[in-house]
Amino acid sequence: MARSKEHIDNLLRLRQELVERRRDVASNEEPGEIVATAKGVIEFQMSIEAIDRAIDDEKRLHGASVTRSGRAPEP
């Protein structure tokens, strides 16, 4: 079970990093870059959603009681 928590923690850190990078890309205010900005946001979002699925898979595989935020669920 400890190993599963470690995998989930790693995925949560990766997810947070991708969220920060998505925010950076989305803040691009260069004129004429709207399409490139949108594509960048979409690519990061797709990666974030894939990580969300991986977290859910780890939780299913190992019965971990950790939420995507990294906290135990409220009772």
C-alpha atoms as a PDB file:
ATOM      1  CA  MET A   1       0.000   0.000   0.000  1.00  0.00           C
ATOM      2  CA  ALA A   2       2.870   2.406   0.733  1.00  0.00           C
ATOM      3  CA  ARG A   3       4.154   1.910  -2.791  1.00  0.00           C
ATOM      4  CA  SER A   4       0.722   2.781  -4.197  1.00  0.00           C
ATOM      5  CA  LYS A   5       0.652   6.000  -2.161  1.00  0.00           C
ATOM      6  CA  GLU A   6       4.083   6.830  -3.555  1.00  0.00           C
ATOM      7  CA  HIS A   7       2.808   6.345  -7.133  1.00  0.00           C
ATOM      8  CA  ILE A   8      -0.233   8.501  -6.421  1.00  0.00           C
ATOM      9  CA  ASP A   9       1.902  11.204  -4.797  1.00  0.00           C
ATOM     10  CA  ASN A  10       4.183  11.245  -7.853  1.00  0.00           C
ATOM     11  CA  LEU A  11       1.189  11.557 -10.164  1.00  0.00           C
ATOM     12  CA  LEU A  12      -0.272  14.353  -8.028  1.00  0.00           C
ATOM     13  CA  ARG A  13       3.011  16.287  -8.208  1.00  0.00           C
ATOM     14  CA  LEU A  14       3.153  15.823 -11.967  1.00  0.00           C
ATOM     15  CA  ARG A  15      -0.473  16.938 -12.284  1.00  0.00           C
ATOM     16  CA  GLN A  16       0.226  20.095 -10.274  1.00  0.00           C
ATOM     17  CA  GLU A  17       3.229  20.922 -12.454  1.00  0.00           C
ATOM     18  CA  LEU A  18       1.133  20.518 -15.614  1.00  0.00           C
ATOM     19  CA  VAL A  19      -1.608  22.739 -14.166  1.00  0.00           C
ATOM     20  CA  GLU A  20       0.979  25.453 -13.488  1.00  0.00           C
ATOM     21  CA  ARG A  21       2.377  25.156 -17.000  1.00  0.00           C
ATOM     22  CA  ARG A  22      -1.133  25.273 -18.483  1.00  0.00           C
ATOM     23  CA  ARG A  23      -1.738  28.493 -16.562  1.00  0.00           C
ATOM     24  CA  ASP A  24       1.519  29.940 -17.888  1.00  0.00           C
ATOM     25  CA  VAL A  25       0.586  29.073 -21.469  1.00  0.00           C
ATOM     26  CA  ALA A  26      -2.936  30.445 -21.025  1.00  0.00           C
ATOM     27  CA  SER A  27      -1.563  33.776 -19.825  1.00  0.00           C
ATOM     28  CA  ASN A  28       0.109  34.387 -23.198  1.00  0.00           C
ATOM     29  CA  GLU A  29      -1.085  37.789 -24.375  1.00  0.00           C
ATOM     30  CA  GLU A  30       0.909  38.000 -27.591  1.00  0.00           C
ATOM     31  CA  PRO A  31      -1.225  39.367 -30.420  1.00  0.00           C
ATOM     32  CA  GLY A  32      -1.873  36.790 -33.113  1.00  0.00           C
ATOM     33  CA  GLU A  33      -0.976  33.874 -30.838  1.00  0.00           C
ATOM     34  CA  ILE A  34      -4.502  32.876 -29.811  1.00  0.00           C
ATOM     35  CA  VAL A  35      -4.508  29.656 -31.845  1.00  0.00           C
ATOM     36  CA  ALA A  36      -1.095  28.570 -30.578  1.00  0.00           C
ATOM     37  CA  THR A  37      -2.143  29.443 -27.035  1.00  0.00           C
ATOM     38  CA  ALA A  38      -5.366  27.452 -27.343  1.00  0.00           C
ATOM     39  CA  LYS A  39      -3.485  24.450 -28.748  1.00  0.00           C
ATOM     40  CA  GLY A  40      -1.021  24.600 -25.866  1.00  0.00           C
ATOM     41  CA  VAL A  41      -3.796  24.768 -23.284  1.00  0.00           C
ATOM     42  CA  ILE A  42      -5.575  21.830 -24.943  1.00  0.00           C
ATOM     43  CA  GLU A  43      -2.396  19.718 -24.948  1.00  0.00           C
ATOM     44  CA  PHE A  44      -1.791  20.372 -21.260  1.00  0.00           C
ATOM     45  CA  GLN A  45      -5.432  19.700 -20.434  1.00  0.00           C
ATOM     46  CA  MET A  46      -5.336  16.371 -22.252  1.00  0.00           C
ATOM     47  CA  SER A  47      -2.249  15.410 -20.254  1.00  0.00           C
ATOM     48  CA  ILE A  48      -3.900  16.468 -16.992  1.00  0.00           C
ATOM     49  CA  GLU A  49      -6.961  14.379 -17.789  1.00  0.00           C
ATOM     50  CA  ALA A  50      -4.749  11.376 -18.589  1.00  0.00           C
ATOM     51  CA  ILE A  51      -3.021  11.790 -15.228  1.00  0.00           C
ATOM     52  CA  ASP A  52      -6.422  12.004 -13.517  1.00  0.00           C
ATOM     53  CA  ARG A  53      -7.278   8.652 -15.078  1.00  0.00           C
ATOM     54  CA  ALA A  54      -3.936   7.217 -13.945  1.00  0.00           C
ATOM     55  CA  ILE A  55      -4.621   8.397 -10.390  1.00  0.00           C
ATOM     56  CA  ASP A  56      -8.057   6.795 -10.491  1.00  0.00           C
ATOM     57  CA  ASP A  57      -6.471   3.595 -11.814  1.00  0.00           C
ATOM     58  CA  GLU A  58      -3.902   3.523  -8.997  1.00  0.00           C
ATOM     59  CA  LYS A  59      -6.680   4.026  -6.479  1.00  0.00           C
ATOM     60  CA  ARG A  60      -8.670   1.156  -8.009  1.00  0.00           C
ATOM     61  CA  LEU A  61      -5.651  -1.137  -8.206  1.00  0.00           C
ATOM     62  CA  HIS A  62      -4.581  -0.616  -4.647  1.00  0.00           C
ATOM     63  CA  GLY A  63      -7.672   0.620  -2.837  1.00  0.00           C
ATOM     64  CA  ALA A  64      -5.936   3.852  -1.860  1.00  0.00           C
ATOM     65  CA  SER A  65      -8.062   6.418  -0.070  1.00  0.00           C
ATOM     66  CA  VAL A  66      -6.494   9.547  -1.511  1.00  0.00           C
ATOM     67  CA  THR A  67      -8.260  12.221  -3.542  1.00  0.00           C
ATOM     68  CA  ARG A  68      -6.776  14.088  -6.512  1.00  0.00           C
ATOM     69  CA  SER A  69      -5.977  16.977  -4.183  1.00  0.00           C
ATOM     70  CA  GLY A  70      -3.759  14.613  -2.188  1.00  0.00           C
ATOM     71  CA  ARG A  71      -6.000  14.677   0.888  1.00  0.00           C
ATOM     72  CA  ALA A  72      -8.049  11.905   2.424  1.00  0.00           C
ATOM     73  CA  PRO A  73     -11.757  12.211   1.584  1.00  0.00           C
ATOM     74  CA  GLU A  74     -14.071  13.929   4.067  1.00  0.00           C
ATOM     75  CA  PRO A  75     -16.088  11.514   6.229  1.00  0.00           C
END
